[in-house]
Amino acid sequence: MSIKSQQKTAKRTARHNRIRAKVSGTANKPRLAVYKSNTALYAQLINDVENTTIAAADSRTAAGNGRTEKATAVGKAIAEAAKKAGIEAVVFDRGGFQYQGTIAALADGARAGGLKF
């Protein structure tokens, strides 16, 4: 891992820690945590009070041709899983990533699926 990539990771981690200091999920309004790797996009609904994952979805099994299409599909899948668990509202945790591209597409897909945040 090069110095530049280590610095980028450290900056993202610092941003994520700042966000996590303000954002917390409960049983009624869980945290929608998003993580983006080089190959996939992951989303989880997390209850921080009990430290449990309520539902999860990722782009490895999502339908779509491009990254943004897959991100939208992941957003709709996590919204569907939330509806099955009886959840209508969430707190969005972008994980230190910029709110653009695949992260924004996932959020839009979740909103289209019926989640409120």
Protein backbone atom coordinates (compact mmCIF):
# COMPACT_ATOMS: atom_id res chain seq x y z
CA MET A 1 0.00 0.00 0.00
CA SER A 2 1.49 3.31 -1.03
CA ILE A 3 1.83 6.36 1.19
CA LYS A 4 -0.83 8.23 -0.78
CA SER A 5 -3.41 5.45 -0.40
CA GLN A 6 -2.64 5.22 3.33
CA GLN A 7 -3.24 8.95 3.65
CA LYS A 8 -6.54 8.71 1.76
CA THR A 9 -7.68 5.87 4.01
CA ALA A 10 -6.66 7.78 7.13
CA LYS A 11 -8.57 10.88 5.99
CA ARG A 12 -11.69 8.83 5.23
CA THR A 13 -11.45 7.14 8.62
CA ALA A 14 -11.18 10.53 10.34
CA ARG A 15 -14.26 11.78 8.45
CA HIS A 16 -16.13 8.61 9.40
CA ASN A 17 -15.21 9.03 13.06
CA ARG A 18 -16.54 12.61 12.99
CA ILE A 19 -19.79 11.41 11.45
CA ARG A 20 -20.13 8.52 13.91
CA ALA A 21 -19.73 10.90 16.85
CA LYS A 22 -23.00 12.54 15.79
CA VAL A 23 -24.95 9.67 14.17
CA SER A 24 -26.35 6.74 16.11
CA GLY A 25 -29.08 4.22 15.35
CA THR A 26 -31.84 2.86 17.57
CA ALA A 27 -34.32 0.02 17.22
CA ASN A 28 -36.99 2.36 15.79
CA LYS A 29 -34.60 4.41 13.66
CA PRO A 30 -31.49 2.36 12.81
CA ARG A 31 -28.34 3.63 11.15
CA LEU A 32 -28.01 2.91 7.42
CA ALA A 33 -24.24 2.38 7.18
CA VAL A 34 -22.63 2.35 3.73
CA TYR A 35 -19.20 1.00 2.80
CA LYS A 36 -17.66 1.19 -0.65
CA SER A 37 -14.74 -1.00 -1.69
CA ASN A 38 -12.98 -1.23 -5.04
CA THR A 39 -15.28 -4.03 -6.17
CA ALA A 40 -18.54 -3.76 -4.23
CA LEU A 41 -20.92 -1.55 -2.28
CA TYR A 42 -22.33 -2.69 1.06
CA ALA A 43 -25.25 -1.38 3.14
CA GLN A 44 -26.33 -2.39 6.64
CA LEU A 45 -29.12 -1.37 8.99
CA ILE A 46 -27.55 -1.23 12.45
CA ASN A 47 -29.08 -0.85 15.92
CA ASP A 48 -26.25 0.81 17.87
CA VAL A 49 -28.03 0.46 21.22
CA GLU A 50 -27.94 -3.36 21.06
CA ASN A 51 -24.97 -3.58 18.64
CA THR A 52 -26.92 -5.70 16.16
CA THR A 53 -27.30 -5.74 12.40
CA ILE A 54 -30.96 -5.75 11.40
CA ALA A 55 -30.52 -6.20 7.63
CA ALA A 56 -27.80 -6.08 5.00
CA ALA A 57 -27.44 -5.86 1.22
CA ASP A 58 -24.54 -5.62 -1.20
CA SER A 59 -23.86 -5.06 -4.87
CA ARG A 60 -22.24 -8.46 -5.45
CA THR A 61 -25.68 -10.01 -6.01
CA ALA A 62 -27.51 -6.88 -7.23
CA ALA A 63 -28.89 -6.63 -10.74
CA GLY A 64 -27.59 -3.93 -13.04
CA ASN A 65 -24.87 -3.16 -15.55
CA GLY A 66 -23.03 -0.18 -14.09
CA ARG A 67 -21.96 0.86 -10.62
CA THR A 68 -24.75 3.40 -10.17
CA GLU A 69 -27.40 0.94 -11.34
CA LYS A 70 -26.13 -1.62 -8.87
CA ALA A 71 -26.03 1.01 -6.12
CA THR A 72 -29.66 1.92 -6.80
CA ALA A 73 -30.57 -1.78 -6.66
CA VAL A 74 -28.77 -2.13 -3.32
CA GLY A 75 -30.71 0.86 -1.98
CA LYS A 76 -34.01 -0.67 -3.05
CA ALA A 77 -32.99 -4.06 -1.58
CA ILE A 78 -32.09 -2.56 1.80
CA ALA A 79 -35.37 -0.61 1.79
CA GLU A 80 -37.28 -3.82 1.10
CA ALA A 81 -35.44 -5.61 3.92
CA ALA A 82 -36.24 -2.69 6.23
CA LYS A 83 -39.92 -2.89 5.36
CA LYS A 84 -39.90 -6.61 6.25
CA ALA A 85 -38.35 -5.71 9.61
CA GLY A 86 -41.00 -3.02 10.19
CA ILE A 87 -38.67 -0.04 9.78
CA GLU A 88 -39.74 3.10 7.93
CA ALA A 89 -37.12 5.70 8.93
CA VAL A 90 -33.33 5.48 9.19
CA VAL A 91 -30.31 7.67 9.92
CA PHE A 92 -27.91 7.78 6.96
CA ASP A 93 -24.21 7.11 7.61
CA ARG A 94 -22.18 7.69 4.45
CA GLY A 95 -19.07 6.19 6.04
CA GLY A 96 -16.78 9.13 5.33
CA PHE A 97 -17.34 8.87 1.58
CA GLN A 98 -18.47 11.88 -0.46
CA TYR A 99 -22.21 12.07 -1.07
CA GLN A 100 -22.00 11.66 -4.83
CA GLY A 101 -21.99 8.90 -7.42
CA THR A 102 -22.70 5.46 -6.00
CA ILE A 103 -23.35 6.70 -2.44
CA ALA A 104 -25.98 9.17 -3.67
CA ALA A 105 -27.47 6.51 -5.98
CA LEU A 106 -27.80 4.10 -3.04
CA ALA A 107 -29.53 6.80 -0.98
CA ASP A 108 -31.89 7.63 -3.86
CA GLY A 109 -32.69 3.93 -4.30
CA ALA A 110 -33.45 3.58 -0.61
CA ARG A 111 -35.73 6.61 -0.74
CA ALA A 112 -37.45 5.20 -3.82
CA GLY A 113 -37.94 1.96 -1.89
CA GLY A 114 -39.81 3.85 0.84
CA LEU A 115 -37.19 4.63 3.50
CA LYS A 116 -37.28 8.09 5.06
CA PHE A 117 -34.11 9.93 6.07
